[in-house]
Amino acid sequence: MEPTYVNPVNPNPPVVDPNAPVSAADRAAQVVYLVFGVIEVLIAVRVILRLLDANPDAGFTSLIYNLSYPFVALFLGVFPPAQSRGNVLELSSLLAILVYALIAFGIVRVIQIMARRNSRA
């Protein structure tokens, strides 16, 4: 007989029905996190490509730079780029990731607050 695992922090976790309908607020929160998650991944890939001195003329690199530029343009110039032999650490892009994560969290919190307010009315 295989031993069962009991979570010491919460020995009786709530049971979630996977067939239960998802509320509109939860669905909106999922969409917000998805959209901002895609933006953050694009920027993170940009940071990695710049850090590894990827060839900007390569198709994939060019695509990532072109797709991510509108999202980092506002932040470029906030910090000077740290360079070493062609490798660039774009601190401005890391700042953009942080700001977009905070914006997504804020939007989701507003959605949750409004949903709670509407459910009481």
PDB file of N, CA and C in Angstrom:
ATOM      1  N   MET A   1       0.840  -1.171   0.000  1.00  0.00           N
ATOM      2  CA  MET A   1       0.000   0.000   0.000  1.00  0.00           C
ATOM      3  C   MET A   1       0.893   1.244   0.000  1.00  0.00           C
ATOM      4  N   GLU A   2       0.611   2.153  -0.886  1.00  0.00           N
ATOM      5  CA  GLU A   2       1.402   3.368  -1.036  1.00  0.00           C
ATOM      6  C   GLU A   2       0.939   4.409  -0.030  1.00  0.00           C
ATOM      7  N   PRO A   3       1.892   5.080   0.678  1.00  0.00           N
ATOM      8  CA  PRO A   3       1.477   6.098   1.650  1.00  0.00           C
ATOM      9  C   PRO A   3       0.911   7.321   0.927  1.00  0.00           C
ATOM     10  N   THR A   4      -0.049   7.958   1.565  1.00  0.00           N
ATOM     11  CA  THR A   4      -0.644   9.164   0.986  1.00  0.00           C
ATOM     12  C   THR A   4       0.047  10.387   1.571  1.00  0.00           C
ATOM     13  N   TYR A   5       0.165  11.400   0.751  1.00  0.00           N
ATOM     14  CA  TYR A   5       0.806  12.636   1.175  1.00  0.00           C
ATOM     15  C   TYR A   5      -0.233  13.548   1.803  1.00  0.00           C
ATOM     16  N   VAL A   6       0.099  14.096   2.959  1.00  0.00           N
ATOM     17  CA  VAL A   6      -0.762  15.058   3.631  1.00  0.00           C
ATOM     18  C   VAL A   6       0.012  16.369   3.717  1.00  0.00           C
ATOM     19  N   ASN A   7      -0.564  17.415   3.181  1.00  0.00           N
ATOM     20  CA  ASN A   7       0.066  18.728   3.215  1.00  0.00           C
ATOM     21  C   ASN A   7       0.037  19.232   4.654  1.00  0.00           C
ATOM     22  N   PRO A   8       1.216  19.460   5.269  1.00  0.00           N
ATOM     23  CA  PRO A   8       1.229  19.894   6.682  1.00  0.00           C
ATOM     24  C   PRO A   8       0.688  21.313   6.876  1.00  0.00           C
ATOM     25  N   VAL A   9       0.759  22.140   5.848  1.00  0.00           N
ATOM     26  CA  VAL A   9       0.270  23.514   5.973  1.00  0.00           C
ATOM     27  C   VAL A   9      -1.250  23.543   5.927  1.00  0.00           C
ATOM     28  N   ASN A  10      -1.834  22.771   5.027  1.00  0.00           N
ATOM     29  CA  ASN A  10      -3.287  22.731   4.877  1.00  0.00           C
ATOM     30  C   ASN A  10      -3.709  21.281   4.686  1.00  0.00           C
ATOM     31  N   PRO A  11      -3.979  20.567   5.783  1.00  0.00           N
ATOM     32  CA  PRO A  11      -4.302  19.138   5.661  1.00  0.00           C
ATOM     33  C   PRO A  11      -5.632  18.866   4.947  1.00  0.00           C
ATOM     34  N   ASN A  12      -6.523  19.847   4.878  1.00  0.00           N
ATOM     35  CA  ASN A  12      -7.814  19.678   4.200  1.00  0.00           C
ATOM     36  C   ASN A  12      -7.981  20.753   3.116  1.00  0.00           C
ATOM     37  N   PRO A  13      -7.261  20.594   1.991  1.00  0.00           N
ATOM     38  CA  PRO A  13      -7.372  21.618   0.953  1.00  0.00           C
ATOM     39  C   PRO A  13      -8.760  21.597   0.331  1.00  0.00           C
ATOM     40  N   PRO A  14      -9.208  22.753  -0.187  1.00  0.00           N
ATOM     41  CA  PRO A  14     -10.529  22.781  -0.808  1.00  0.00           C
ATOM     42  C   PRO A  14     -10.545  21.924  -2.073  1.00  0.00           C
ATOM     43  N   VAL A  15     -11.677  21.294  -2.296  1.00  0.00           N
ATOM     44  CA  VAL A  15     -11.839  20.462  -3.484  1.00  0.00           C
ATOM     45  C   VAL A  15     -12.348  21.351  -4.613  1.00  0.00           C
ATOM     46  N   VAL A  16     -11.649  21.309  -5.748  1.00  0.00           N
ATOM     47  CA  VAL A  16     -12.026  22.126  -6.887  1.00  0.00           C
ATOM     48  C   VAL A  16     -12.658  21.218  -7.933  1.00  0.00           C
ATOM     49  N   ASP A  17     -13.860  21.585  -8.336  1.00  0.00           N
ATOM     50  CA  ASP A  17     -14.557  20.817  -9.364  1.00  0.00           C
ATOM     51  C   ASP A  17     -14.095  21.316 -10.731  1.00  0.00           C
ATOM     52  N   PRO A  18     -13.399  20.483 -11.517  1.00  0.00           N
ATOM     53  CA  PRO A  18     -12.916  20.945 -12.821  1.00  0.00           C
ATOM     54  C   PRO A  18     -14.042  21.222 -13.812  1.00  0.00           C
ATOM     55  N   ASN A  19     -15.236  20.737 -13.539  1.00  0.00           N
ATOM     56  CA  ASN A  19     -16.374  20.960 -14.432  1.00  0.00           C
ATOM     57  C   ASN A  19     -17.209  22.180 -14.048  1.00  0.00           C
ATOM     58  N   ALA A  20     -16.834  22.831 -12.943  1.00  0.00           N
ATOM     59  CA  ALA A  20     -17.585  23.999 -12.499  1.00  0.00           C
ATOM     60  C   ALA A  20     -17.364  25.149 -13.482  1.00  0.00           C
ATOM     61  N   PRO A  21     -18.390  25.950 -13.726  1.00  0.00           N
ATOM     62  CA  PRO A  21     -18.216  27.075 -14.657  1.00  0.00           C
ATOM     63  C   PRO A  21     -17.264  28.123 -14.078  1.00  0.00           C
ATOM     64  N   VAL A  22     -16.529  28.762 -14.965  1.00  0.00           N
ATOM     65  CA  VAL A  22     -15.584  29.798 -14.568  1.00  0.00           C
ATOM     66  C   VAL A  22     -16.300  31.138 -14.648  1.00  0.00           C
ATOM     67  N   SER A  23     -16.148  31.940 -13.614  1.00  0.00           N
ATOM     68  CA  SER A  23     -16.818  33.240 -13.604  1.00  0.00           C
ATOM     69  C   SER A  23     -16.193  34.160 -14.653  1.00  0.00           C
ATOM     70  N   ALA A  24     -16.939  35.174 -15.028  1.00  0.00           N
ATOM     71  CA  ALA A  24     -16.448  36.138 -16.017  1.00  0.00           C
ATOM     72  C   ALA A  24     -15.218  36.870 -15.498  1.00  0.00           C
ATOM     73  N   ALA A  25     -15.195  37.169 -14.206  1.00  0.00           N
ATOM     74  CA  ALA A  25     -14.047  37.857 -13.618  1.00  0.00           C
ATOM     75  C   ALA A  25     -12.802  36.968 -13.670  1.00  0.00           C
ATOM     76  N   ASP A  26     -12.969  35.693 -13.362  1.00  0.00           N
ATOM     77  CA  ASP A  26     -11.830  34.776 -13.425  1.00  0.00           C
ATOM     78  C   ASP A  26     -11.341  34.619 -14.859  1.00  0.00           C
ATOM     79  N   ARG A  27     -12.259  34.550 -15.799  1.00  0.00           N
ATOM     80  CA  ARG A  27     -11.874  34.430 -17.213  1.00  0.00           C
ATOM     81  C   ARG A  27     -11.142  35.695 -17.664  1.00  0.00           C
ATOM     82  N   ALA A  28     -11.620  36.858 -17.251  1.00  0.00           N
ATOM     83  CA  ALA A  28     -10.954  38.115 -17.606  1.00  0.00           C
ATOM     84  C   ALA A  28      -9.546  38.156 -17.005  1.00  0.00           C
ATOM     85  N   ALA A  29      -9.410  37.702 -15.770  1.00  0.00           N
ATOM     86  CA  ALA A  29      -8.093  37.673 -15.124  1.00  0.00           C
ATOM     87  C   ALA A  29      -7.153  36.739 -15.883  1.00  0.00           C
ATOM     88  N   GLN A  30      -7.663  35.607 -16.336  1.00  0.00           N
ATOM     89  CA  GLN A  30      -6.840  34.679 -17.111  1.00  0.00           C
ATOM     90  C   GLN A  30      -6.367  35.318 -18.410  1.00  0.00           C
ATOM     91  N   VAL A  31      -7.248  36.053 -19.070  1.00  0.00           N
ATOM     92  CA  VAL A  31      -6.887  36.715 -20.333  1.00  0.00           C
ATOM     93  C   VAL A  31      -5.825  37.782 -20.079  1.00  0.00           C
ATOM     94  N   VAL A  32      -5.991  38.556 -19.017  1.00  0.00           N
ATOM     95  CA  VAL A  32      -5.006  39.597 -18.685  1.00  0.00           C
ATOM     96  C   VAL A  32      -3.643  38.960 -18.425  1.00  0.00           C
ATOM     97  N   TYR A  33      -3.616  37.911 -17.613  1.00  0.00           N
ATOM     98  CA  TYR A  33      -2.342  37.252 -17.325  1.00  0.00           C
ATOM     99  C   TYR A  33      -1.737  36.632 -18.585  1.00  0.00           C
ATOM    100  N   LEU A  34      -2.564  36.103 -19.470  1.00  0.00           N
ATOM    101  CA  LEU A  34      -2.057  35.523 -20.712  1.00  0.00           C
ATOM    102  C   LEU A  34      -1.419  36.595 -21.592  1.00  0.00           C
ATOM    103  N   VAL A  35      -2.125  37.699 -21.803  1.00  0.00           N
ATOM    104  CA  VAL A  35      -1.613  38.770 -22.667  1.00  0.00           C
ATOM    105  C   VAL A  35      -0.318  39.344 -22.108  1.00  0.00           C
ATOM    106  N   PHE A  36      -0.316  39.685 -20.834  1.00  0.00           N
ATOM    107  CA  PHE A  36       0.882  40.260 -20.241  1.00  0.00           C
ATOM    108  C   PHE A  36       2.002  39.232 -20.127  1.00  0.00           C
ATOM    109  N   GLY A  37       1.654  37.971 -19.948  1.00  0.00           N
ATOM    110  CA  GLY A  37       2.663  36.911 -19.914  1.00  0.00           C
ATOM    111  C   GLY A  37       3.378  36.778 -21.246  1.00  0.00           C
ATOM    112  N   VAL A  38       2.630  36.848 -22.342  1.00  0.00           N
ATOM    113  CA  VAL A  38       3.242  36.784 -23.674  1.00  0.00           C
ATOM    114  C   VAL A  38       4.179  37.977 -23.878  1.00  0.00           C
ATOM    115  N   ILE A  39       3.739  39.164 -23.475  1.00  0.00           N
ATOM    116  CA  ILE A  39       4.584  40.356 -23.604  1.00  0.00           C
ATOM    117  C   ILE A  39       5.865  40.187 -22.788  1.00  0.00           C
ATOM    118  N   GLU A  40       5.745  39.695 -21.577  1.00  0.00           N
ATOM    119  CA  GLU A  40       6.914  39.529 -20.717  1.00  0.00           C
ATOM    120  C   GLU A  40       7.871  38.477 -21.264  1.00  0.00           C
ATOM    121  N   VAL A  41       7.345  37.414 -21.836  1.00  0.00           N
ATOM    122  CA  VAL A  41       8.210  36.389 -22.433  1.00  0.00           C
ATOM    123  C   VAL A  41       8.956  36.961 -23.634  1.00  0.00           C
ATOM    124  N   LEU A  42       8.268  37.739 -24.467  1.00  0.00           N
ATOM    125  CA  LEU A  42       8.935  38.380 -25.610  1.00  0.00           C
ATOM    126  C   LEU A  42      10.094  39.252 -25.132  1.00  0.00           C
ATOM    127  N   ILE A  43       9.845  40.032 -24.110  1.00  0.00           N
ATOM    128  CA  ILE A  43      10.897  40.916 -23.595  1.00  0.00           C
ATOM    129  C   ILE A  43      12.028  40.095 -22.971  1.00  0.00           C
ATOM    130  N   ALA A  44      11.697  39.023 -22.270  1.00  0.00           N
ATOM    131  CA  ALA A  44      12.725  38.178 -21.656  1.00  0.00           C
ATOM    132  C   ALA A  44      13.603  37.520 -22.722  1.00  0.00           C
ATOM    133  N   VAL A  45      12.990  37.064 -23.812  1.00  0.00           N
ATOM    134  CA  VAL A  45      13.779  36.483 -24.904  1.00  0.00           C
ATOM    135  C   VAL A  45      14.671  37.552 -25.520  1.00  0.00           C
ATOM    136  N   ARG A  46      14.155  38.767 -25.643  1.00  0.00           N
ATOM    137  CA  ARG A  46      14.959  39.894 -26.150  1.00  0.00           C
ATOM    138  C   ARG A  46      16.184  40.111 -25.254  1.00  0.00           C
ATOM    139  N   VAL A  47      15.974  40.112 -23.943  1.00  0.00           N
ATOM    140  CA  VAL A  47      17.077  40.309 -23.004  1.00  0.00           C
ATOM    141  C   VAL A  47      18.133  39.225 -23.191  1.00  0.00           C
ATOM    142  N   ILE A  48      17.695  37.990 -23.324  1.00  0.00           N
ATOM    143  CA  ILE A  48      18.635  36.871 -23.491  1.00  0.00           C
ATOM    144  C   ILE A  48      19.394  36.997 -24.805  1.00  0.00           C
ATOM    145  N   LEU A  49      18.686  37.325 -25.888  1.00  0.00           N
ATOM    146  CA  LEU A  49      19.352  37.469 -27.182  1.00  0.00           C
ATOM    147  C   LEU A  49      20.380  38.600 -27.155  1.00  0.00           C
ATOM    148  N   ARG A  50      20.032  39.719 -26.531  1.00  0.00           N
ATOM    149  CA  ARG A  50      20.977  40.840 -26.433  1.00  0.00           C
ATOM    150  C   ARG A  50      22.166  40.461 -25.557  1.00  0.00           C
ATOM    151  N   LEU A  51      21.888  39.737 -24.479  1.00  0.00           N
ATOM    152  CA  LEU A  51      22.947  39.328 -23.564  1.00  0.00           C
ATOM    153  C   LEU A  51      23.930  38.371 -24.231  1.00  0.00           C
ATOM    154  N   LEU A  52      23.427  37.517 -25.119  1.00  0.00           N
ATOM    155  CA  LEU A  52      24.280  36.545 -25.808  1.00  0.00           C
ATOM    156  C   LEU A  52      24.811  37.072 -27.129  1.00  0.00           C
ATOM    157  N   ASP A  53      24.576  38.348 -27.422  1.00  0.00           N
ATOM    158  CA  ASP A  53      25.067  39.002 -28.636  1.00  0.00           C
ATOM    159  C   ASP A  53      24.600  38.263 -29.899  1.00  0.00           C
ATOM    160  N   ALA A  54      23.297  37.980 -29.941  1.00  0.00           N
ATOM    161  CA  ALA A  54      22.726  37.295 -31.099  1.00  0.00           C
ATOM    162  C   ALA A  54      22.815  38.187 -32.332  1.00  0.00           C
ATOM    163  N   ASN A  55      22.941  37.574 -33.481  1.00  0.00           N
ATOM    164  CA  ASN A  55      23.031  38.292 -34.747  1.00  0.00           C
ATOM    165  C   ASN A  55      21.693  38.979 -35.027  1.00  0.00           C
ATOM    166  N   PRO A  56      21.646  40.321 -35.040  1.00  0.00           N
ATOM    167  CA  PRO A  56      20.379  41.016 -35.259  1.00  0.00           C
ATOM    168  C   PRO A  56      19.825  40.842 -36.670  1.00  0.00           C
ATOM    169  N   ASP A  57      20.660  40.353 -37.615  1.00  0.00           N
ATOM    170  CA  ASP A  57      20.187  40.125 -38.974  1.00  0.00           C
ATOM    171  C   ASP A  57      19.546  38.756 -39.160  1.00  0.00           C
ATOM    172  N   ALA A  58      19.694  37.880 -38.172  1.00  0.00           N
ATOM    173  CA  ALA A  58      19.057  36.563 -38.236  1.00  0.00           C
ATOM    174  C   ALA A  58      17.544  36.733 -38.137  1.00  0.00           C
ATOM    175  N   GLY A  59      16.796  35.903 -38.815  1.00  0.00           N
ATOM    176  CA  GLY A  59      15.348  36.029 -38.882  1.00  0.00           C
ATOM    177  C   GLY A  59      14.671  36.011 -37.520  1.00  0.00           C
ATOM    178  N   PHE A  60      15.005  35.029 -36.700  1.00  0.00           N
ATOM    179  CA  PHE A  60      14.356  34.904 -35.394  1.00  0.00           C
ATOM    180  C   PHE A  60      14.691  36.091 -34.506  1.00  0.00           C
ATOM    181  N   THR A  61      15.964  36.467 -34.494  1.00  0.00           N
ATOM    182  CA  THR A  61      16.383  37.589 -33.663  1.00  0.00           C
ATOM    183  C   THR A  61      15.689  38.871 -34.099  1.00  0.00           C
ATOM    184  N   SER A  62      15.640  39.093 -35.401  1.00  0.00           N
ATOM    185  CA  SER A  62      14.972  40.280 -35.934  1.00  0.00           C
ATOM    186  C   SER A  62      13.492  40.288 -35.567  1.00  0.00           C
ATOM    187  N   LEU A  63      12.849  39.131 -35.656  1.00  0.00           N
ATOM    188  CA  LEU A  63      11.432  39.020 -35.302  1.00  0.00           C
ATOM    189  C   LEU A  63      11.205  39.386 -33.834  1.00  0.00           C
ATOM    190  N   ILE A  64      12.009  38.830 -32.957  1.00  0.00           N
ATOM    191  CA  ILE A  64      11.863  39.108 -31.519  1.00  0.00           C
ATOM    192  C   ILE A  64      12.112  40.586 -31.237  1.00  0.00           C
ATOM    193  N   TYR A  65      13.159  41.159 -31.828  1.00  0.00           N
ATOM    194  CA  TYR A  65      13.445  42.576 -31.608  1.00  0.00           C
ATOM    195  C   TYR A  65      12.300  43.453 -32.106  1.00  0.00           C
ATOM    196  N   ASN A  66      11.758  43.138 -33.281  1.00  0.00           N
ATOM    197  CA  ASN A  66      10.670  43.947 -33.841  1.00  0.00           C
ATOM    198  C   ASN A  66       9.376  43.806 -33.042  1.00  0.00           C
ATOM    199  N   LEU A  67       9.077  42.593 -32.577  1.00  0.00           N
ATOM    200  CA  LEU A  67       7.855  42.390 -31.789  1.00  0.00           C
ATOM    201  C   LEU A  67       7.955  43.011 -30.403  1.00  0.00           C
ATOM    202  N   SER A  68       9.133  42.971 -29.813  1.00  0.00           N
ATOM    203  CA  SER A  68       9.280  43.452 -28.438  1.00  0.00           C
ATOM    204  C   SER A  68       9.558  44.949 -28.362  1.00  0.00           C
ATOM    205  N   TYR A  69      10.029  45.552 -29.448  1.00  0.00           N
ATOM    206  CA  TYR A  69      10.401  46.966 -29.399  1.00  0.00           C
ATOM    207  C   TYR A  69       9.272  47.884 -28.917  1.00  0.00           C
ATOM    208  N   PRO A  70       8.030  47.739 -29.422  1.00  0.00           N
ATOM    209  CA  PRO A  70       6.977  48.651 -28.941  1.00  0.00           C
ATOM    210  C   PRO A  70       6.748  48.577 -27.436  1.00  0.00           C
ATOM    211  N   PHE A  71       7.045  47.432 -26.841  1.00  0.00           N
ATOM    212  CA  PHE A  71       6.800  47.260 -25.405  1.00  0.00           C
ATOM    213  C   PHE A  71       7.959  47.760 -24.546  1.00  0.00           C
ATOM    214  N   VAL A  72       9.158  47.860 -25.130  1.00  0.00           N
ATOM    215  CA  VAL A  72      10.306  48.338 -24.356  1.00  0.00           C
ATOM    216  C   VAL A  72      10.710  49.766 -24.725  1.00  0.00           C
ATOM    217  N   ALA A  73      10.141  50.310 -25.795  1.00  0.00           N
ATOM    218  CA  ALA A  73      10.545  51.635 -26.278  1.00  0.00           C
ATOM    219  C   ALA A  73      10.408  52.702 -25.200  1.00  0.00           C
ATOM    220  N   LEU A  74       9.351  52.630 -24.429  1.00  0.00           N
ATOM    221  CA  LEU A  74       9.114  53.615 -23.370  1.00  0.00           C
ATOM    222  C   LEU A  74      10.205  53.568 -22.300  1.00  0.00           C
ATOM    223  N   PHE A  75      10.815  52.411 -22.115  1.00  0.00           N
ATOM    224  CA  PHE A  75      11.781  52.217 -21.038  1.00  0.00           C
ATOM    225  C   PHE A  75      13.229  52.385 -21.489  1.00  0.00           C
ATOM    226  N   LEU A  76      13.474  52.358 -22.797  1.00  0.00           N
ATOM    227  CA  LEU A  76      14.836  52.490 -23.296  1.00  0.00           C
ATOM    228  C   LEU A  76      15.395  53.847 -22.894  1.00  0.00           C
ATOM    229  N   GLY A  77      16.596  53.840 -22.405  1.00  0.00           N
ATOM    230  CA  GLY A  77      17.232  55.063 -21.973  1.00  0.00           C
ATOM    231  C   GLY A  77      17.088  55.348 -20.490  1.00  0.00           C
ATOM    232  N   VAL A  78      16.256  54.594 -19.794  1.00  0.00           N
ATOM    233  CA  VAL A  78      16.128  54.792 -18.345  1.00  0.00           C
ATOM    234  C   VAL A  78      17.459  54.465 -17.669  1.00  0.00           C
ATOM    235  N   PHE A  79      18.048  53.344 -18.076  1.00  0.00           N
ATOM    236  CA  PHE A  79      19.360  52.931 -17.577  1.00  0.00           C
ATOM    237  C   PHE A  79      20.305  52.823 -18.760  1.00  0.00           C
ATOM    238  N   PRO A  80      21.570  53.144 -18.564  1.00  0.00           N
ATOM    239  CA  PRO A  80      22.516  52.923 -19.663  1.00  0.00           C
ATOM    240  C   PRO A  80      22.730  51.418 -19.848  1.00  0.00           C
ATOM    241  N   PRO A  81      22.848  50.964 -21.097  1.00  0.00           N
ATOM    242  CA  PRO A  81      23.073  49.531 -21.311  1.00  0.00           C
ATOM    243  C   PRO A  81      24.464  49.124 -20.824  1.00  0.00           C
ATOM    244  N   ALA A  82      24.534  48.027 -20.114  1.00  0.00           N
ATOM    245  CA  ALA A  82      25.816  47.504 -19.647  1.00  0.00           C
ATOM    246  C   ALA A  82      26.384  46.625 -20.755  1.00  0.00           C
ATOM    247  N   GLN A  83      27.528  47.040 -21.321  1.00  0.00           N
ATOM    248  CA  GLN A  83      28.104  46.332 -22.459  1.00  0.00           C
ATOM    249  C   GLN A  83      29.462  45.746 -22.111  1.00  0.00           C
ATOM    250  N   SER A  84      29.730  44.604 -22.733  1.00  0.00           N
ATOM    251  CA  SER A  84      31.029  43.963 -22.616  1.00  0.00           C
ATOM    252  C   SER A  84      31.246  43.103 -23.847  1.00  0.00           C
ATOM    253  N   ARG A  85      32.148  43.508 -24.733  1.00  0.00           N
ATOM    254  CA  ARG A  85      32.495  42.764 -25.952  1.00  0.00           C
ATOM    255  C   ARG A  85      31.275  42.418 -26.805  1.00  0.00           C
ATOM    256  N   GLY A  86      30.366  43.335 -26.962  1.00  0.00           N
ATOM    257  CA  GLY A  86      29.192  43.082 -27.798  1.00  0.00           C
ATOM    258  C   GLY A  86      27.983  42.585 -27.030  1.00  0.00           C
ATOM    259  N   ASN A  87      28.204  41.984 -25.880  1.00  0.00           N
ATOM    260  CA  ASN A  87      27.092  41.520 -25.059  1.00  0.00           C
ATOM    261  C   ASN A  87      26.487  42.714 -24.342  1.00  0.00           C
ATOM    262  N   VAL A  88      25.149  42.793 -24.349  1.00  0.00           N
ATOM    263  CA  VAL A  88      24.466  43.937 -23.751  1.00  0.00           C
ATOM    264  C   VAL A  88      23.443  43.433 -22.737  1.00  0.00           C
ATOM    265  N   LEU A  89      23.496  43.980 -21.540  1.00  0.00           N
ATOM    266  CA  LEU A  89      22.463  43.694 -20.545  1.00  0.00           C
ATOM    267  C   LEU A  89      21.535  44.900 -20.527  1.00  0.00           C
ATOM    268  N   GLU A  90      20.340  44.720 -21.070  1.00  0.00           N
ATOM    269  CA  GLU A  90      19.353  45.800 -21.132  1.00  0.00           C
ATOM    270  C   GLU A  90      18.571  45.864 -19.824  1.00  0.00           C
ATOM    271  N   LEU A  91      19.068  46.662 -18.905  1.00  0.00           N
ATOM    272  CA  LEU A  91      18.358  46.828 -17.643  1.00  0.00           C
ATOM    273  C   LEU A  91      16.999  47.481 -17.868  1.00  0.00           C
ATOM    274  N   SER A  92      16.888  48.287 -18.911  1.00  0.00           N
ATOM    275  CA  SER A  92      15.609  48.919 -19.236  1.00  0.00           C
ATOM    276  C   SER A  92      14.557  47.864 -19.578  1.00  0.00           C
ATOM    277  N   SER A  93      14.968  46.810 -20.254  1.00  0.00           N
ATOM    278  CA  SER A  93      14.024  45.737 -20.589  1.00  0.00           C
ATOM    279  C   SER A  93      13.605  44.963 -19.347  1.00  0.00           C
ATOM    280  N   LEU A  94      14.534  44.783 -18.426  1.00  0.00           N
ATOM    281  CA  LEU A  94      14.176  44.113 -17.166  1.00  0.00           C
ATOM    282  C   LEU A  94      13.198  44.972 -16.368  1.00  0.00           C
ATOM    283  N   LEU A  95      13.398  46.283 -16.408  1.00  0.00           N
ATOM    284  CA  LEU A  95      12.453  47.190 -15.772  1.00  0.00           C
ATOM    285  C   LEU A  95      11.079  47.067 -16.428  1.00  0.00           C
ATOM    286  N   ALA A  96      11.053  46.959 -17.754  1.00  0.00           N
ATOM    287  CA  ALA A  96       9.786  46.804 -18.475  1.00  0.00           C
ATOM    288  C   ALA A  96       9.054  45.539 -18.024  1.00  0.00           C
ATOM    289  N   ILE A  97       9.785  44.438 -17.858  1.00  0.00           N
ATOM    290  CA  ILE A  97       9.160  43.190 -17.396  1.00  0.00           C
ATOM    291  C   ILE A  97       8.520  43.406 -16.030  1.00  0.00           C
ATOM    292  N   LEU A  98       9.241  44.052 -15.131  1.00  0.00           N
ATOM    293  CA  LEU A  98       8.718  44.317 -13.788  1.00  0.00           C
ATOM    294  C   LEU A  98       7.477  45.195 -13.846  1.00  0.00           C
ATOM    295  N   VAL A  99       7.522  46.256 -14.635  1.00  0.00           N
ATOM    296  CA  VAL A  99       6.383  47.172 -14.722  1.00  0.00           C
ATOM    297  C   VAL A  99       5.171  46.477 -15.324  1.00  0.00           C
ATOM    298  N   TYR A 100       5.367  45.678 -16.377  1.00  0.00           N
ATOM    299  CA  TYR A 100       4.234  44.971 -16.983  1.00  0.00           C
ATOM    300  C   TYR A 100       3.635  43.943 -16.020  1.00  0.00           C
ATOM    301  N   ALA A 101       4.468  43.294 -15.220  1.00  0.00           N
ATOM    302  CA  ALA A 101       3.951  42.357 -14.218  1.00  0.00           C
ATOM    303  C   ALA A 101       3.104  43.092 -13.183  1.00  0.00           C
ATOM    304  N   LEU A 102       3.569  44.258 -12.746  1.00  0.00           N
ATOM    305  CA  LEU A 102       2.804  45.042 -11.772  1.00  0.00           C
ATOM    306  C   LEU A 102       1.491  45.557 -12.372  1.00  0.00           C
ATOM    307  N   ILE A 103       1.534  45.972 -13.636  1.00  0.00           N
ATOM    308  CA  ILE A 103       0.308  46.432 -14.303  1.00  0.00           C
ATOM    309  C   ILE A 103      -0.695  45.295 -14.405  1.00  0.00           C
ATOM    310  N   ALA A 104      -0.227  44.118 -14.803  1.00  0.00           N
ATOM    311  CA  ALA A 104      -1.126  42.961 -14.914  1.00  0.00           C
ATOM    312  C   ALA A 104      -1.746  42.637 -13.563  1.00  0.00           C
ATOM    313  N   PHE A 105      -0.930  42.635 -12.518  1.00  0.00           N
ATOM    314  CA  PHE A 105      -1.442  42.352 -11.178  1.00  0.00           C
ATOM    315  C   PHE A 105      -2.485  43.392 -10.774  1.00  0.00           C
ATOM    316  N   GLY A 106      -2.199  44.661 -11.058  1.00  0.00           N
ATOM    317  CA  GLY A 106      -3.144  45.731 -10.717  1.00  0.00           C
ATOM    318  C   GLY A 106      -4.460  45.591 -11.460  1.00  0.00           C
ATOM    319  N   ILE A 107      -4.403  45.279 -12.740  1.00  0.00           N
ATOM    320  CA  ILE A 107      -5.633  45.108 -13.529  1.00  0.00           C
ATOM    321  C   ILE A 107      -6.454  43.946 -12.986  1.00  0.00           C
ATOM    322  N   VAL A 108      -5.791  42.850 -12.668  1.00  0.00           N
ATOM    323  CA  VAL A 108      -6.511  41.683 -12.138  1.00  0.00           C
ATOM    324  C   VAL A 108      -7.134  42.006 -10.787  1.00  0.00           C
ATOM    325  N   ARG A 109      -6.430  42.746  -9.944  1.00  0.00           N
ATOM    326  CA  ARG A 109      -7.008  43.116  -8.647  1.00  0.00           C
ATOM    327  C   ARG A 109      -8.246  43.986  -8.827  1.00  0.00           C
ATOM    328  N   VAL A 110      -8.195  44.928  -9.780  1.00  0.00           N
ATOM    329  CA  VAL A 110      -9.365  45.767 -10.053  1.00  0.00           C
ATOM    330  C   VAL A 110     -10.528  44.906 -10.541  1.00  0.00           C
ATOM    331  N   ILE A 111     -10.251  43.956 -11.416  1.00  0.00           N
ATOM    332  CA  ILE A 111     -11.299  43.052 -11.906  1.00  0.00           C
ATOM    333  C   ILE A 111     -11.919  42.285 -10.738  1.00  0.00           C
ATOM    334  N   GLN A 112     -11.077  41.772  -9.846  1.00  0.00           N
ATOM    335  CA  GLN A 112     -11.584  41.008  -8.704  1.00  0.00           C
ATOM    336  C   GLN A 112     -12.402  41.883  -7.761  1.00  0.00           C
ATOM    337  N   ILE A 113     -11.949  43.092  -7.521  1.00  0.00           N
ATOM    338  CA  ILE A 113     -12.687  44.001  -6.638  1.00  0.00           C
ATOM    339  C   ILE A 113     -14.039  44.353  -7.241  1.00  0.00           C
ATOM    340  N   MET A 114     -14.056  44.663  -8.534  1.00  0.00           N
ATOM    341  CA  MET A 114     -15.317  44.997  -9.207  1.00  0.00           C
ATOM    342  C   MET A 114     -16.270  43.803  -9.223  1.00  0.00           C
ATOM    343  N   ALA A 115     -15.748  42.613  -9.418  1.00  0.00           N
ATOM    344  CA  ALA A 115     -16.586  41.406  -9.431  1.00  0.00           C
ATOM    345  C   ALA A 115     -17.189  41.174  -8.053  1.00  0.00           C
ATOM    346  N   ARG A 116     -16.383  41.381  -7.010  1.00  0.00           N
ATOM    347  CA  ARG A 116     -16.896  41.213  -5.663  1.00  0.00           C
ATOM    348  C   ARG A 116     -17.958  42.244  -5.350  1.00  0.00           C
ATOM    349  N   ARG A 117     -17.745  43.486  -5.804  1.00  0.00           N
ATOM    350  CA  ARG A 117     -18.695  44.555  -5.571  1.00  0.00           C
ATOM    351  C   ARG A 117     -20.020  44.256  -6.308  1.00  0.00           C
ATOM    352  N   ASN A 118     -19.934  43.770  -7.534  1.00  0.00           N
ATOM    353  CA  ASN A 118     -21.134  43.456  -8.317  1.00  0.00           C
ATOM    354  C   ASN A 118     -21.890  42.252  -7.770  1.00  0.00           C
ATOM    355  N   SER A 119     -21.186  41.318  -7.136  1.00  0.00           N
ATOM    356  CA  SER A 119     -21.865  40.141  -6.600  1.00  0.00           C
ATOM    357  C   SER A 119     -22.649  40.481  -5.337  1.00  0.00           C
ATOM    358  N   ARG A 120     -22.263  41.544  -4.639  1.00  0.00           N
ATOM    359  CA  ARG A 120     -22.972  41.958  -3.427  1.00  0.00           C
ATOM    360  C   ARG A 120     -24.231  42.748  -3.756  1.00  0.00           C
ATOM    361  N   ALA A 121     -24.244  43.375  -4.898  1.00  0.00           N
ATOM    362  CA  ALA A 121     -25.371  44.240  -5.255  1.00  0.00           C
ATOM    363  C   ALA A 121     -26.584  43.456  -5.680  1.00  0.00           C
TER     364      ALA A 121
END
